[in-house]
N, C-alpha and C. Protein backbone atom coordinates (compact mmCIF):
# COMPACT_ATOMS: atom_id res chain seq x y z
N THR A 1 -32.92 0.05 22.73
CA THR A 1 -31.81 0.36 23.61
C THR A 1 -30.58 -0.42 23.17
N GLY A 2 -29.43 0.20 23.28
CA GLY A 2 -28.20 -0.49 22.92
C GLY A 2 -27.69 -0.15 21.54
N HIS A 3 -28.46 0.59 20.77
CA HIS A 3 -28.02 0.97 19.43
C HIS A 3 -26.94 2.05 19.55
N HIS A 4 -25.82 1.87 18.90
CA HIS A 4 -24.70 2.81 18.92
C HIS A 4 -24.03 2.95 20.29
N PHE A 5 -24.06 1.90 21.11
CA PHE A 5 -23.35 1.91 22.39
C PHE A 5 -21.91 1.48 22.14
N ASN A 6 -21.13 1.44 23.20
CA ASN A 6 -19.75 0.99 23.10
C ASN A 6 -19.45 0.07 24.27
N GLN A 7 -18.55 -0.88 24.06
CA GLN A 7 -18.16 -1.76 25.16
C GLN A 7 -16.66 -1.96 25.17
N VAL A 8 -16.13 -2.13 26.39
CA VAL A 8 -14.70 -2.32 26.60
C VAL A 8 -14.52 -3.39 27.67
N THR A 9 -13.60 -4.32 27.44
CA THR A 9 -13.25 -5.29 28.48
C THR A 9 -12.22 -4.63 29.39
N LEU A 10 -12.53 -4.59 30.67
CA LEU A 10 -11.64 -3.98 31.64
C LEU A 10 -10.51 -4.94 32.00
N ALA A 11 -9.47 -4.42 32.64
CA ALA A 11 -8.28 -5.23 32.96
C ALA A 11 -8.61 -6.44 33.82
N ASN A 12 -9.64 -6.34 34.67
CA ASN A 12 -9.99 -7.46 35.55
C ASN A 12 -11.02 -8.41 34.92
N GLY A 13 -11.34 -8.20 33.63
CA GLY A 13 -12.26 -9.09 32.92
C GLY A 13 -13.71 -8.63 32.90
N ARG A 14 -14.05 -7.65 33.75
CA ARG A 14 -15.41 -7.11 33.69
C ARG A 14 -15.60 -6.38 32.36
N VAL A 15 -16.84 -6.15 31.97
CA VAL A 15 -17.13 -5.47 30.71
C VAL A 15 -17.90 -4.19 31.00
N LEU A 16 -17.42 -3.08 30.46
CA LEU A 16 -18.07 -1.77 30.58
C LEU A 16 -18.83 -1.49 29.30
N MET A 17 -20.14 -1.23 29.42
CA MET A 17 -20.96 -0.84 28.28
C MET A 17 -21.43 0.59 28.53
N THR A 18 -21.21 1.48 27.55
CA THR A 18 -21.51 2.89 27.75
C THR A 18 -22.41 3.44 26.65
N GLY A 19 -23.32 4.31 27.07
CA GLY A 19 -24.15 5.07 26.14
C GLY A 19 -25.03 4.25 25.24
N GLY A 20 -25.29 4.81 24.09
CA GLY A 20 -26.19 4.20 23.12
C GLY A 20 -27.45 5.01 22.98
N LEU A 21 -28.41 4.45 22.29
CA LEU A 21 -29.69 5.11 22.08
C LEU A 21 -30.81 4.27 22.68
N SER A 22 -31.75 4.95 23.30
CA SER A 22 -32.98 4.32 23.73
C SER A 22 -34.00 4.59 22.64
N ALA A 23 -34.67 3.55 22.17
CA ALA A 23 -35.63 3.70 21.08
C ALA A 23 -37.00 3.25 21.52
N SER A 24 -38.01 4.00 21.10
CA SER A 24 -39.39 3.61 21.35
C SER A 24 -40.22 3.92 20.11
N VAL A 25 -41.27 3.15 19.92
CA VAL A 25 -42.14 3.33 18.76
C VAL A 25 -43.55 3.64 19.26
N ASN A 26 -44.14 4.70 18.71
CA ASN A 26 -45.53 5.02 18.97
C ASN A 26 -46.35 4.13 18.06
N LEU A 27 -47.08 3.17 18.63
CA LEU A 27 -47.82 2.20 17.82
C LEU A 27 -48.95 2.84 17.02
N ALA A 28 -49.48 3.96 17.48
CA ALA A 28 -50.56 4.63 16.74
C ALA A 28 -50.05 5.27 15.46
N THR A 29 -48.85 5.86 15.52
CA THR A 29 -48.31 6.57 14.36
C THR A 29 -47.12 5.88 13.72
N LEU A 30 -46.60 4.85 14.39
CA LEU A 30 -45.37 4.15 13.98
C LEU A 30 -44.16 5.06 13.92
N ALA A 31 -44.21 6.15 14.71
CA ALA A 31 -43.09 7.08 14.77
C ALA A 31 -42.04 6.53 15.73
N LEU A 32 -40.80 6.56 15.30
CA LEU A 32 -39.67 6.12 16.11
C LEU A 32 -39.08 7.32 16.85
N THR A 33 -38.88 7.18 18.15
CA THR A 33 -38.25 8.21 18.95
C THR A 33 -36.99 7.63 19.56
N THR A 34 -35.88 8.35 19.44
CA THR A 34 -34.62 7.90 20.04
C THR A 34 -34.03 9.01 20.89
N THR A 35 -33.39 8.62 21.98
CA THR A 35 -32.69 9.56 22.83
C THR A 35 -31.38 8.93 23.28
N PRO A 36 -30.30 9.72 23.38
CA PRO A 36 -29.03 9.17 23.85
C PRO A 36 -29.12 8.80 25.33
N LEU A 37 -28.41 7.75 25.69
CA LEU A 37 -28.42 7.26 27.06
C LEU A 37 -27.29 7.89 27.88
N GLY A 38 -27.61 8.26 29.08
CA GLY A 38 -26.62 8.77 30.02
C GLY A 38 -26.23 7.72 31.04
N THR A 39 -26.40 6.46 30.65
CA THR A 39 -26.11 5.36 31.57
C THR A 39 -24.99 4.48 31.03
N ALA A 40 -24.40 3.77 31.95
CA ALA A 40 -23.39 2.76 31.62
C ALA A 40 -23.70 1.56 32.51
N CYS A 41 -23.21 0.40 32.11
CA CYS A 41 -23.37 -0.81 32.91
C CYS A 41 -22.04 -1.55 32.94
N VAL A 42 -21.77 -2.16 34.08
CA VAL A 42 -20.59 -3.01 34.21
C VAL A 42 -21.08 -4.43 34.46
N TYR A 43 -20.62 -5.35 33.60
CA TYR A 43 -20.99 -6.76 33.74
C TYR A 43 -19.84 -7.52 34.37
N ASP A 44 -20.15 -8.30 35.40
CA ASP A 44 -19.17 -9.13 36.09
C ASP A 44 -19.54 -10.59 35.82
N GLN A 45 -18.80 -11.25 34.93
CA GLN A 45 -19.13 -12.59 34.49
C GLN A 45 -19.09 -13.64 35.61
N PRO A 46 -18.10 -13.64 36.50
CA PRO A 46 -18.08 -14.67 37.54
C PRO A 46 -19.32 -14.67 38.43
N THR A 47 -19.88 -13.50 38.69
CA THR A 47 -21.07 -13.43 39.54
C THR A 47 -22.36 -13.25 38.72
N ASN A 48 -22.21 -13.11 37.40
CA ASN A 48 -23.34 -12.90 36.49
C ASN A 48 -24.22 -11.74 36.96
N THR A 49 -23.55 -10.61 37.31
CA THR A 49 -24.29 -9.44 37.78
C THR A 49 -23.97 -8.21 36.94
N TRP A 50 -24.93 -7.30 36.89
CA TRP A 50 -24.78 -6.02 36.21
C TRP A 50 -24.87 -4.91 37.25
N THR A 51 -24.02 -3.90 37.10
CA THR A 51 -24.09 -2.70 37.92
C THR A 51 -24.40 -1.53 37.01
N SER A 52 -25.47 -0.81 37.31
CA SER A 52 -25.86 0.34 36.49
C SER A 52 -25.21 1.60 37.05
N LEU A 53 -24.68 2.44 36.15
CA LEU A 53 -23.98 3.67 36.52
C LEU A 53 -24.55 4.84 35.73
N THR A 54 -24.38 6.04 36.25
CA THR A 54 -24.81 7.24 35.54
C THR A 54 -23.59 7.99 35.05
N MET A 55 -23.55 8.27 33.74
CA MET A 55 -22.45 9.03 33.16
C MET A 55 -22.77 10.52 33.27
N PRO A 56 -21.75 11.39 33.27
CA PRO A 56 -22.01 12.83 33.35
C PRO A 56 -22.64 13.39 32.08
N VAL A 57 -22.44 12.71 30.93
CA VAL A 57 -22.96 13.20 29.65
C VAL A 57 -23.58 12.04 28.89
N ALA A 58 -24.82 12.22 28.43
CA ALA A 58 -25.46 11.21 27.59
C ALA A 58 -24.78 11.20 26.22
N ARG A 59 -24.66 10.01 25.62
CA ARG A 59 -23.97 9.93 24.33
C ARG A 59 -24.25 8.62 23.63
N SER A 60 -24.12 8.65 22.32
CA SER A 60 -24.07 7.47 21.47
C SER A 60 -23.00 7.76 20.42
N LEU A 61 -22.67 6.79 19.60
CA LEU A 61 -21.69 7.00 18.51
C LEU A 61 -20.34 7.52 19.01
N HIS A 62 -19.92 7.10 20.19
CA HIS A 62 -18.67 7.57 20.79
C HIS A 62 -17.60 6.47 20.72
N SER A 63 -16.39 6.82 21.08
CA SER A 63 -15.34 5.81 21.22
C SER A 63 -15.10 5.57 22.71
N ALA A 64 -14.65 4.37 23.03
CA ALA A 64 -14.29 4.01 24.40
C ALA A 64 -12.98 3.22 24.30
N THR A 65 -11.94 3.73 24.93
CA THR A 65 -10.61 3.14 24.81
C THR A 65 -10.03 2.91 26.20
N ARG A 66 -9.57 1.68 26.45
CA ARG A 66 -8.93 1.37 27.74
C ARG A 66 -7.51 1.88 27.72
N LEU A 67 -7.16 2.64 28.75
CA LEU A 67 -5.82 3.21 28.88
C LEU A 67 -4.89 2.21 29.59
N PRO A 68 -3.57 2.40 29.49
CA PRO A 68 -2.63 1.49 30.14
C PRO A 68 -2.83 1.36 31.64
N ASP A 69 -3.34 2.40 32.31
CA ASP A 69 -3.55 2.34 33.75
C ASP A 69 -4.89 1.70 34.14
N GLY A 70 -5.65 1.24 33.13
CA GLY A 70 -6.92 0.56 33.38
C GLY A 70 -8.14 1.44 33.25
N ARG A 71 -7.97 2.76 33.30
CA ARG A 71 -9.12 3.63 33.10
C ARG A 71 -9.60 3.53 31.65
N VAL A 72 -10.81 4.01 31.40
CA VAL A 72 -11.37 4.02 30.06
C VAL A 72 -11.72 5.45 29.71
N VAL A 73 -11.30 5.90 28.53
CA VAL A 73 -11.64 7.24 28.08
C VAL A 73 -12.76 7.15 27.04
N LEU A 74 -13.83 7.92 27.30
CA LEU A 74 -14.96 8.03 26.38
C LEU A 74 -14.81 9.36 25.65
N CYS A 75 -14.75 9.31 24.34
CA CYS A 75 -14.51 10.52 23.56
C CYS A 75 -15.66 10.81 22.62
N GLY A 76 -16.06 12.08 22.60
CA GLY A 76 -17.04 12.55 21.65
C GLY A 76 -18.33 11.77 21.69
N GLY A 77 -18.88 11.58 20.50
CA GLY A 77 -20.15 10.91 20.37
C GLY A 77 -21.20 11.89 19.90
N ALA A 78 -22.45 11.50 20.08
CA ALA A 78 -23.54 12.35 19.62
C ALA A 78 -24.68 12.35 20.61
N GLN A 79 -25.38 13.47 20.61
CA GLN A 79 -26.66 13.59 21.25
C GLN A 79 -27.66 13.79 20.12
N GLY A 80 -28.84 14.22 20.38
CA GLY A 80 -29.83 14.36 19.32
C GLY A 80 -30.54 13.03 19.09
N THR A 81 -30.91 12.77 17.85
CA THR A 81 -31.65 11.55 17.51
C THR A 81 -30.87 10.72 16.50
N ILE A 82 -31.40 9.54 16.19
CA ILE A 82 -30.72 8.68 15.21
C ILE A 82 -30.75 9.33 13.82
N ASP A 83 -31.80 10.10 13.53
CA ASP A 83 -31.90 10.78 12.24
C ASP A 83 -31.11 12.07 12.19
N LEU A 84 -30.98 12.74 13.34
CA LEU A 84 -30.26 14.01 13.40
C LEU A 84 -29.30 14.01 14.59
N PRO A 85 -28.21 13.22 14.47
CA PRO A 85 -27.23 13.22 15.56
C PRO A 85 -26.50 14.55 15.64
N VAL A 86 -26.22 14.98 16.86
CA VAL A 86 -25.50 16.23 17.09
C VAL A 86 -24.17 15.87 17.75
N PRO A 87 -23.05 15.92 17.00
CA PRO A 87 -21.76 15.56 17.57
C PRO A 87 -21.41 16.43 18.77
N ILE A 88 -20.70 15.82 19.75
CA ILE A 88 -20.26 16.53 20.95
C ILE A 88 -18.75 16.38 21.10
N ALA A 89 -18.16 17.27 21.89
CA ALA A 89 -16.71 17.27 22.09
C ALA A 89 -16.31 16.73 23.46
N ASP A 90 -17.26 16.25 24.24
CA ASP A 90 -17.00 15.82 25.61
C ASP A 90 -15.99 14.67 25.68
N VAL A 91 -15.15 14.71 26.70
CA VAL A 91 -14.24 13.62 27.03
C VAL A 91 -14.46 13.28 28.50
N THR A 92 -14.76 12.00 28.77
CA THR A 92 -15.03 11.54 30.13
C THR A 92 -14.15 10.33 30.42
N LEU A 93 -13.63 10.26 31.63
CA LEU A 93 -12.82 9.12 32.06
C LEU A 93 -13.62 8.26 33.03
N PHE A 94 -13.53 6.93 32.85
CA PHE A 94 -14.14 5.98 33.78
C PHE A 94 -13.03 5.30 34.55
N ASP A 95 -13.16 5.26 35.88
CA ASP A 95 -12.18 4.61 36.75
C ASP A 95 -12.79 3.31 37.28
N PRO A 96 -12.33 2.14 36.81
CA PRO A 96 -12.92 0.88 37.26
C PRO A 96 -12.69 0.58 38.74
N ALA A 97 -11.72 1.23 39.36
CA ALA A 97 -11.48 1.00 40.79
C ALA A 97 -12.61 1.57 41.64
N THR A 98 -13.24 2.64 41.15
CA THR A 98 -14.31 3.29 41.91
C THR A 98 -15.66 3.21 41.21
N ASN A 99 -15.68 2.70 39.98
CA ASN A 99 -16.88 2.73 39.13
C ASN A 99 -17.39 4.15 38.95
N GLY A 100 -16.45 5.12 38.96
CA GLY A 100 -16.82 6.53 38.86
C GLY A 100 -16.36 7.16 37.56
N PHE A 101 -17.03 8.24 37.20
CA PHE A 101 -16.71 9.00 35.99
C PHE A 101 -16.21 10.38 36.37
N SER A 102 -15.31 10.93 35.56
CA SER A 102 -14.86 12.31 35.73
C SER A 102 -14.73 12.94 34.35
N VAL A 103 -15.08 14.21 34.27
CA VAL A 103 -15.03 14.93 33.00
C VAL A 103 -13.61 15.43 32.80
N SER A 104 -13.11 15.31 31.57
CA SER A 104 -11.76 15.75 31.22
C SER A 104 -11.86 16.92 30.23
N THR A 105 -10.71 17.37 29.75
CA THR A 105 -10.67 18.45 28.78
C THR A 105 -11.38 18.02 27.50
N PRO A 106 -12.30 18.83 26.97
CA PRO A 106 -13.02 18.43 25.77
C PRO A 106 -12.12 18.39 24.53
N LEU A 107 -12.60 17.70 23.52
CA LEU A 107 -11.90 17.68 22.23
C LEU A 107 -11.90 19.08 21.63
N PRO A 108 -10.95 19.38 20.74
CA PRO A 108 -10.93 20.70 20.10
C PRO A 108 -12.18 20.96 19.25
N ALA A 109 -12.80 19.89 18.75
CA ALA A 109 -14.01 20.03 17.93
C ALA A 109 -14.89 18.81 18.17
N PRO A 110 -16.21 18.96 18.05
CA PRO A 110 -17.10 17.81 18.20
C PRO A 110 -16.77 16.71 17.19
N ARG A 111 -16.99 15.45 17.60
CA ARG A 111 -16.68 14.30 16.74
C ARG A 111 -17.57 13.14 17.15
N ALA A 112 -18.22 12.51 16.17
CA ALA A 112 -19.08 11.34 16.42
C ALA A 112 -18.81 10.29 15.36
N ALA A 113 -19.15 9.05 15.68
CA ALA A 113 -19.02 7.92 14.75
C ALA A 113 -17.57 7.74 14.28
N HIS A 114 -16.64 7.92 15.18
CA HIS A 114 -15.21 7.81 14.88
C HIS A 114 -14.65 6.54 15.50
N ALA A 115 -13.40 6.28 15.23
CA ALA A 115 -12.69 5.16 15.84
C ALA A 115 -11.63 5.71 16.78
N GLY A 116 -11.42 5.01 17.88
CA GLY A 116 -10.36 5.37 18.81
C GLY A 116 -9.47 4.16 19.03
N MET A 117 -8.17 4.41 19.09
CA MET A 117 -7.25 3.29 19.35
C MET A 117 -6.09 3.77 20.20
N LEU A 118 -5.53 2.82 20.94
CA LEU A 118 -4.42 3.10 21.84
C LEU A 118 -3.11 2.73 21.15
N LEU A 119 -2.17 3.67 21.12
CA LEU A 119 -0.84 3.41 20.58
C LEU A 119 0.05 2.82 21.69
N PRO A 120 1.15 2.16 21.32
CA PRO A 120 2.03 1.54 22.32
C PRO A 120 2.55 2.51 23.38
N ASP A 121 2.67 3.80 23.05
CA ASP A 121 3.18 4.76 24.04
C ASP A 121 2.09 5.31 24.95
N GLY A 122 0.84 4.82 24.81
CA GLY A 122 -0.26 5.27 25.66
C GLY A 122 -1.09 6.40 25.07
N THR A 123 -0.71 6.88 23.90
CA THR A 123 -1.48 7.92 23.23
C THR A 123 -2.76 7.33 22.64
N VAL A 124 -3.86 8.05 22.79
CA VAL A 124 -5.13 7.66 22.17
C VAL A 124 -5.26 8.44 20.87
N VAL A 125 -5.55 7.73 19.79
CA VAL A 125 -5.74 8.35 18.48
C VAL A 125 -7.21 8.25 18.11
N LEU A 126 -7.80 9.36 17.70
CA LEU A 126 -9.18 9.38 17.20
C LEU A 126 -9.13 9.64 15.70
N LEU A 127 -9.78 8.76 14.95
CA LEU A 127 -9.74 8.83 13.48
C LEU A 127 -11.15 8.90 12.90
N GLY A 128 -11.30 9.70 11.84
CA GLY A 128 -12.55 9.72 11.09
C GLY A 128 -13.71 10.26 11.88
N GLY A 129 -14.90 9.93 11.42
CA GLY A 129 -16.12 10.36 12.08
C GLY A 129 -16.71 11.60 11.44
N GLN A 130 -17.70 12.13 12.14
CA GLN A 130 -18.44 13.29 11.67
C GLN A 130 -18.26 14.45 12.63
N ASP A 131 -18.09 15.65 12.08
CA ASP A 131 -18.19 16.84 12.89
C ASP A 131 -19.61 17.38 12.67
N PRO A 132 -19.97 18.56 13.16
CA PRO A 132 -21.36 19.01 12.99
C PRO A 132 -21.79 19.24 11.54
N VAL A 133 -20.85 19.31 10.60
CA VAL A 133 -21.21 19.65 9.22
C VAL A 133 -20.95 18.51 8.24
N ALA A 134 -19.84 17.80 8.39
CA ALA A 134 -19.46 16.80 7.38
C ALA A 134 -18.52 15.77 8.00
N THR A 135 -18.07 14.85 7.16
CA THR A 135 -17.05 13.89 7.57
C THR A 135 -15.78 14.65 7.89
N THR A 136 -15.15 14.33 9.02
CA THR A 136 -13.95 15.05 9.42
C THR A 136 -12.70 14.37 8.86
N ALA A 137 -11.74 15.16 8.49
CA ALA A 137 -10.48 14.65 7.97
C ALA A 137 -9.36 14.81 8.98
N THR A 138 -9.69 15.23 10.20
CA THR A 138 -8.66 15.46 11.22
C THR A 138 -8.40 14.20 12.04
N ILE A 139 -7.25 14.20 12.68
CA ILE A 139 -6.87 13.15 13.62
C ILE A 139 -6.57 13.84 14.94
N GLU A 140 -7.09 13.28 16.03
CA GLU A 140 -6.81 13.83 17.36
C GLU A 140 -5.87 12.89 18.10
N LEU A 141 -4.89 13.44 18.79
CA LEU A 141 -4.00 12.69 19.66
C LEU A 141 -4.23 13.14 21.09
N LEU A 142 -4.55 12.18 21.97
CA LEU A 142 -4.85 12.51 23.36
C LEU A 142 -3.90 11.75 24.28
N ARG A 143 -3.40 12.44 25.29
CA ARG A 143 -2.52 11.82 26.27
C ARG A 143 -3.07 12.04 27.66
N PHE A 144 -3.06 11.00 28.48
CA PHE A 144 -3.62 11.10 29.83
C PHE A 144 -2.58 10.72 30.86
């Protein structure tokens, strides 16, 4: 668990951890099984507590970017397995005021294992990664 997850420090200092892969090994065959996680956790350091949350879409290999208003946008990622990831186009917003998730407009094309960054004007840029067939050469600009 925790492989290919993402974490973001929220404006109030809490930490949001999203997605990743759950891994298990069959000891008889030594076969590894992985599944994307549809959970997120918020860690509050002053109280040393974790809050578990359910995301609308399971994912790993995604980006998580804190927006100027404090929300966090989760973009793309993958479902499938660690050996055969299936990129997705989902975009989900996390609101730290409510610890809630809402689904937003999907990306124009699936994208996994990419980088996301916030520009000074509040635009989120997605760079690189994989689409369902190969490494992608496109750049996505998202505004919220």
